[in-house]
Protein backbone atom coordinates (compact mmCIF):
# COMPACT_ATOMS: atom_id res chain seq x y z
CA UNK A 1 -9.38 66.72 -60.43
CA UNK A 2 -8.82 64.66 -57.38
CA UNK A 3 -10.33 60.99 -57.02
CA UNK A 4 -14.10 61.04 -56.73
CA UNK A 5 -16.15 58.82 -54.55
CA UNK A 6 -19.67 57.79 -55.90
CA UNK A 7 -21.84 57.20 -52.83
CA UNK A 8 -25.42 55.78 -52.89
CA UNK A 9 -27.12 58.14 -50.46
CA UNK A 10 -30.35 57.37 -48.74
CA UNK A 11 -30.45 53.55 -49.76
CA UNK A 12 -33.23 51.43 -48.91
CA UNK A 13 -32.27 48.08 -47.01
CA UNK A 14 -28.80 48.63 -48.12
CA UNK A 15 -29.51 48.88 -51.85
CA UNK A 16 -30.71 51.65 -54.15
CA UNK A 17 -30.03 55.08 -53.20
CA UNK A 18 -29.12 58.29 -55.05
CA UNK A 19 -25.57 58.12 -56.71
CA UNK A 20 -23.56 61.46 -55.78
CA UNK A 21 -20.30 62.49 -56.62
CA UNK A 22 -18.23 63.48 -53.68
CA UNK A 23 -14.71 65.06 -53.98
CA UNK A 24 -12.32 67.24 -52.35
CA UNK A 25 -12.50 70.85 -53.46
CA UNK A 26 -9.71 72.21 -55.69
CA UNK A 27 -9.12 75.16 -57.86
CA UNK A 28 -11.72 74.11 -60.46
CA UNK A 29 -13.82 76.99 -61.78
CA UNK A 30 -17.67 76.70 -61.18
CA UNK A 31 -18.21 76.05 -64.73
CA UNK A 32 -15.93 73.00 -64.38
CA UNK A 33 -17.73 71.85 -61.06
CA UNK A 34 -21.17 71.93 -63.17
CA UNK A 35 -19.53 69.29 -65.47
CA UNK A 36 -18.71 66.94 -62.74
CA UNK A 37 -22.31 65.45 -62.29
CA UNK A 38 -22.67 64.98 -65.97
CA UNK A 39 -19.32 63.40 -66.54
CA UNK A 40 -19.85 61.01 -63.86
CA UNK A 41 -23.39 60.18 -64.31
CA UNK A 42 -24.83 61.57 -61.18
CA UNK A 43 -27.39 64.27 -60.54
CA UNK A 44 -25.34 66.07 -58.00
CA UNK A 45 -21.64 66.64 -56.93
CA UNK A 46 -20.40 67.74 -53.45
CA UNK A 47 -17.20 69.39 -52.85
CA UNK A 48 -15.43 69.24 -49.42
CA UNK A 49 -12.98 71.65 -47.97
CA UNK A 50 -11.55 71.15 -44.71
CA UNK A 51 -11.75 74.13 -42.42
CA UNK A 52 -10.14 73.09 -39.16
CA UNK A 53 -11.94 72.45 -35.82
CA UNK A 54 -15.19 73.75 -34.46
CA UNK A 55 -17.13 72.93 -31.24
CA UNK A 56 -14.38 70.23 -30.60
CA UNK A 57 -15.23 68.30 -33.86
CA UNK A 58 -13.57 68.59 -37.24
CA UNK A 59 -15.19 71.02 -39.66
CA UNK A 60 -15.80 71.03 -43.30
CA UNK A 61 -17.18 73.18 -45.94
CA UNK A 62 -19.49 71.96 -48.49
CA UNK A 63 -20.44 73.13 -51.78
CA UNK A 64 -23.30 71.53 -54.01
CA UNK A 65 -23.39 71.47 -57.66
CA UNK A 66 -25.93 70.01 -60.52
CA UNK A 67 -25.24 70.59 -64.17
CA UNK A 68 -27.21 73.64 -64.05
CA UNK A 69 -25.46 75.53 -61.17
CA UNK A 70 -24.54 75.79 -57.46
CA UNK A 71 -27.10 74.92 -54.90
CA UNK A 72 -27.21 76.50 -51.27
CA UNK A 73 -27.98 73.09 -49.67
CA UNK A 74 -28.57 69.43 -50.71
CA UNK A 75 -29.76 67.02 -48.43
CA UNK A 76 -28.68 63.79 -49.97
CA UNK A 77 -25.53 65.27 -50.84
CA UNK A 78 -24.89 66.06 -47.20
CA UNK A 79 -25.70 62.43 -46.42
CA UNK A 80 -23.17 61.33 -49.16
CA UNK A 81 -20.45 63.80 -47.94
CA UNK A 82 -21.02 62.57 -44.07
CA UNK A 83 -20.39 58.88 -45.51
CA UNK A 84 -17.20 59.64 -47.13
CA UNK A 85 -15.80 61.64 -44.34
CA UNK A 86 -16.76 58.75 -41.85
CA UNK A 87 -15.11 56.11 -44.02
CA UNK A 88 -11.85 58.29 -43.98
CA UNK A 89 -12.01 58.73 -40.29
CA UNK A 90 -12.80 55.25 -39.36
CA UNK A 91 -14.76 54.29 -36.02
CA UNK A 92 -18.35 53.55 -35.16
CA UNK A 93 -19.60 57.10 -34.42
CA UNK A 94 -18.23 60.06 -36.46
CA UNK A 95 -19.25 63.57 -35.61
CA UNK A 96 -18.53 66.67 -37.52
CA UNK A 97 -19.50 70.25 -38.08
CA UNK A 98 -20.49 71.29 -41.71
CA UNK A 99 -20.75 74.62 -43.14
CA UNK A 100 -22.54 75.84 -46.22
CA UNK A 101 -22.89 79.32 -47.61
CA UNK A 102 -25.39 80.27 -45.18
CA UNK A 103 -25.04 78.21 -41.93
CA UNK A 104 -23.12 75.58 -39.97
CA UNK A 105 -24.66 72.54 -38.43
CA UNK A 106 -23.75 69.19 -36.92
CA UNK A 107 -23.64 66.11 -38.85
CA UNK A 108 -23.16 62.42 -37.64
CA UNK A 109 -22.46 58.87 -39.20
CA UNK A 110 -22.70 55.83 -37.23
CA UNK A 111 -21.70 52.37 -38.45
CA UNK A 112 -23.52 49.17 -37.57
CA UNK A 113 -21.86 46.17 -38.99
CA UNK A 114 -21.61 46.94 -42.68
CA UNK A 115 -24.39 49.51 -42.71
CA UNK A 116 -23.67 53.27 -42.34
CA UNK A 117 -26.32 55.69 -41.46
CA UNK A 118 -25.76 59.56 -41.70
CA UNK A 119 -28.03 62.33 -40.29
CA UNK A 120 -27.80 66.01 -39.86
CA UNK A 121 -29.55 69.04 -38.64
CA UNK A 122 -31.45 70.67 -41.85
CA UNK A 123 -32.18 73.92 -40.04
CA UNK A 124 -35.46 75.78 -39.34
CA UNK A 125 -38.35 75.32 -41.82
CA UNK A 126 -40.75 77.91 -42.76
CA UNK A 127 -44.23 76.91 -43.95
CA UNK A 128 -46.89 79.11 -45.63
CA UNK A 129 -49.96 78.32 -47.45
CA UNK A 130 -49.98 77.58 -51.09
CA UNK A 131 -51.88 80.01 -53.29
CA UNK A 132 -54.49 79.10 -55.75
CA UNK A 133 -52.45 80.18 -58.95
CA UNK A 134 -49.22 78.45 -58.12
CA UNK A 135 -51.00 75.34 -57.01
CA UNK A 136 -53.08 75.18 -60.14
CA UNK A 137 -49.99 75.75 -62.29
CA UNK A 138 -47.91 73.02 -60.74
CA UNK A 139 -50.79 70.50 -60.71
CA UNK A 140 -51.18 71.17 -64.42
CA UNK A 141 -47.54 70.68 -65.05
CA UNK A 142 -47.79 67.48 -63.14
CA UNK A 143 -50.77 66.12 -65.10
CA UNK A 144 -52.63 65.91 -61.86
CA UNK A 145 -56.43 66.13 -61.69
CA UNK A 146 -57.76 68.27 -58.84
CA UNK A 147 -59.62 65.49 -57.24
CA UNK A 148 -56.19 63.62 -56.64
CA UNK A 149 -55.03 66.30 -54.41
CA UNK A 150 -55.40 65.13 -50.76
CA UNK A 151 -55.31 67.84 -48.13
CA UNK A 152 -53.74 71.24 -48.06
CA UNK A 153 -50.63 71.89 -50.11
CA UNK A 154 -48.10 74.25 -48.56
CA UNK A 155 -44.89 76.17 -49.50
CA UNK A 156 -41.89 75.18 -47.36
CA UNK A 157 -38.50 76.54 -47.23
CA UNK A 158 -35.13 75.72 -45.45
CA UNK A 159 -33.08 77.57 -47.87
CA UNK A 160 -35.17 77.75 -50.94
CA UNK A 161 -39.13 77.60 -51.41
CA UNK A 162 -40.75 74.32 -52.74
CA UNK A 163 -44.22 73.18 -53.09
CA UNK A 164 -45.26 70.43 -50.80
CA UNK A 165 -48.23 68.53 -52.51
CA UNK A 166 -50.13 65.80 -51.14
CA UNK A 167 -51.87 63.34 -53.13
CA UNK A 168 -54.37 60.57 -52.47
CA UNK A 169 -52.27 57.49 -52.77
CA UNK A 170 -49.08 55.81 -53.68
CA UNK A 171 -50.81 54.81 -56.82
CA UNK A 172 -51.67 58.45 -57.86
CA UNK A 173 -48.10 59.29 -57.14
CA UNK A 174 -46.69 56.45 -59.36
CA UNK A 175 -49.12 57.55 -62.12
CA UNK A 176 -47.69 61.18 -62.43
CA UNK A 177 -46.60 62.02 -65.87
CA UNK A 178 -44.98 65.51 -65.57
CA UNK A 179 -44.55 67.88 -68.66
CA UNK A 180 -41.08 69.11 -67.47
CA UNK A 181 -41.42 72.22 -69.80
CA UNK A 182 -44.77 73.45 -68.19
CA UNK A 183 -43.46 72.38 -64.84
CA UNK A 184 -40.37 74.30 -64.88
CA UNK A 185 -42.06 77.52 -66.41
CA UNK A 186 -44.61 77.21 -63.36
CA UNK A 187 -41.87 76.93 -60.66
CA UNK A 188 -39.73 79.65 -62.28
CA UNK A 189 -42.63 81.96 -62.45
CA UNK A 190 -43.69 81.30 -58.72
CA UNK A 191 -40.17 81.27 -57.36
CA UNK A 192 -40.08 77.58 -56.35
CA UNK A 193 -37.20 75.21 -56.41
CA UNK A 194 -39.58 72.50 -57.65
CA UNK A 195 -42.65 70.27 -56.27
CA UNK A 196 -42.34 67.36 -53.68
CA UNK A 197 -45.42 65.39 -54.21
CA UNK A 198 -46.10 62.81 -51.53
CA UNK A 199 -48.78 60.31 -50.28
CA UNK A 200 -50.10 61.02 -46.72
CA UNK A 201 -48.22 59.26 -43.89
CA UNK A 202 -49.88 56.20 -42.52
CA UNK A 203 -49.97 55.55 -38.92
CA UNK A 204 -46.53 54.35 -38.67
CA UNK A 205 -45.13 57.59 -40.44
CA UNK A 206 -44.51 55.74 -43.83
CA UNK A 207 -45.08 57.61 -46.94
CA UNK A 208 -43.88 57.93 -50.41
CA UNK A 209 -42.75 60.93 -52.46
CA UNK A 210 -41.37 62.07 -55.91
CA UNK A 211 -39.51 65.33 -56.15
CA UNK A 212 -39.42 67.26 -59.45
CA UNK A 213 -36.99 70.08 -59.93
CA UNK A 214 -36.37 70.77 -63.58
CA UNK A 215 -35.44 74.42 -62.77
CA UNK A 216 -32.21 73.24 -61.21
CA UNK A 217 -31.54 70.60 -63.89
CA UNK A 218 -32.98 67.72 -61.97
CA UNK A 219 -36.37 66.63 -63.67
CA UNK A 220 -36.71 64.21 -60.95
CA UNK A 221 -34.51 63.44 -57.76
CA UNK A 222 -34.06 59.98 -56.57
CA UNK A 223 -34.01 61.24 -53.05
CA UNK A 224 -34.44 64.49 -51.55
CA UNK A 225 -33.66 64.67 -47.81
CA UNK A 226 -34.27 68.65 -47.28
CA UNK A 227 -37.80 68.30 -48.67
CA UNK A 228 -38.58 65.36 -46.52
CA UNK A 229 -37.31 67.57 -43.51
CA UNK A 230 -39.69 70.18 -44.77
CA UNK A 231 -42.37 67.46 -44.72
CA UNK A 232 -41.54 66.47 -41.27
CA UNK A 233 -41.97 70.19 -39.96
CA UNK A 234 -45.35 70.17 -41.87
CA UNK A 235 -46.58 66.80 -40.26
CA UNK A 236 -45.37 67.84 -36.91
CA UNK A 237 -48.41 70.09 -36.81
CA UNK A 238 -50.74 66.91 -36.86
CA UNK A 239 -48.75 65.06 -34.38
CA UNK A 240 -46.54 63.02 -36.67
CA UNK A 241 -42.95 63.02 -35.15
CA UNK A 242 -41.05 60.40 -37.35
CA UNK A 243 -41.24 59.84 -40.96
CA UNK A 244 -40.01 57.19 -43.49
CA UNK A 245 -40.27 58.41 -46.97
CA UNK A 246 -39.78 56.03 -50.00
CA UNK A 247 -38.52 57.63 -53.13
CA UNK A 248 -36.94 56.56 -56.34
CA UNK A 249 -38.93 53.68 -57.11
CA UNK A 250 -40.05 55.24 -60.47
CA UNK A 251 -36.46 55.72 -61.42
CA UNK A 252 -35.21 52.24 -60.64
CA UNK A 253 -33.40 53.37 -57.42
CA UNK A 254 -35.38 52.59 -54.30
CA UNK A 255 -34.44 55.15 -51.52
CA UNK A 256 -35.70 55.97 -48.23
CA UNK A 257 -35.25 59.02 -46.11
CA UNK A 258 -35.83 59.23 -42.24
CA UNK A 259 -36.99 62.40 -40.42
CA UNK A 260 -37.44 62.71 -36.68
CA UNK A 261 -38.92 65.70 -34.93
CA UNK A 262 -37.66 66.62 -31.50
CA UNK A 263 -39.83 69.13 -29.57
CA UNK A 264 -37.92 71.73 -27.53
CA UNK A 265 -40.56 73.71 -25.65
CA UNK A 266 -42.50 75.78 -28.39
CA UNK A 267 -40.18 74.99 -31.10
CA UNK A 268 -38.86 71.73 -32.80
CA UNK A 269 -35.63 70.53 -34.14
CA UNK A 270 -35.49 68.03 -37.10
CA UNK A 271 -33.01 65.29 -37.89
CA UNK A 272 -33.01 63.98 -41.31
CA UNK A 273 -30.82 61.31 -42.90
CA UNK A 274 -30.52 57.88 -44.31
CA UNK A 275 -28.34 54.62 -45.10
CA UNK A 276 -25.38 55.22 -47.39
CA UNK A 277 -22.62 53.14 -48.98
CA UNK A 278 -19.60 54.23 -51.10
CA UNK A 279 -20.25 52.36 -54.33
CA UNK A 280 -16.98 52.89 -55.98
CA UNK A 281 -14.10 55.38 -56.57
CA UNK A 282 -13.33 57.09 -59.73
CA UNK A 283 -9.57 57.60 -60.07
CA UNK A 284 -8.78 60.71 -62.11
C-alpha cells in the first residue's frame, strides 16, 4: 500500500472536518480497499489514478470506499482528493478534471494564505416527493415525533437516492437518537442511501444537518457534501441560492459545507465544497 494522506475535509474555521484517507490507487483488491478506512480510523477512503489530460487540465479517476463497499460518489471525499492533488501540484489556483464510474466533472482548489478551499460540480440533482410509508419509517428510525417535521420532505439523488428531512430547529436536530437497526431496515426497504435531516436555512442561508447512512456502513457522517448539494437544489426552488450547512457537532468534529446555485436559463448549476487540511501522512 502506498503512503496515505489523512485529510480533514469540510472544516469549520480551519478546525474539525471529516478525516478522510486519500491514496494513489494500486493493485489492491476491493476487499483490501474496504479495509483501509477501518485500519486508518476514517469513514471513507478515496483512491486516485492519474488518467492524463482532459479539457486542458490534468485528469484523475476517483474511487470511494467505506468498510461496507464501494460508493459511486462521495462529496467530502472529493474535497479531500482535491486538497491532496492541489498540495502536490502547488500554486494558488488548482484545476482538474475528475472522473468517477458514471461521470466526469471539474474540480478546483484555491489557496488563500494557509487555508485551502476545494469545490466541485456535483452534477444534476433529481427531486421527488417523499411518500408516506418511507417518511413514516425513517422518522420512526430516527425517533422523531411527527410534529417535529417542518415542511415537505423529499427524495433527492445525484447518484443514489436519499431522504431530505426538514426539522423544526437545530435543537430538534441535536436531540435525534436514531435506532440504527430500524433506520437501516427502513432505508434498505425503500431503496435509500440514508437520511439527511436538516434545520430550515435562516435568511442568510445558514442551516445545520445530520446525515445517517447505516446502509453503507456509516451510521452518521461527519460531513456530507453531496446531500448538501441535493438540499441546495431543493432550496433553490424557494429562492435560496447559497447555503452554509453545519454538520459534525454531535460527533465532536465541527464541519461546514458550502453550496452555491448558479442559474443558467431554466436550469441551474450547483457548486459545492469546503475548507480542507492535510492533517497527517501515514507512511506504509
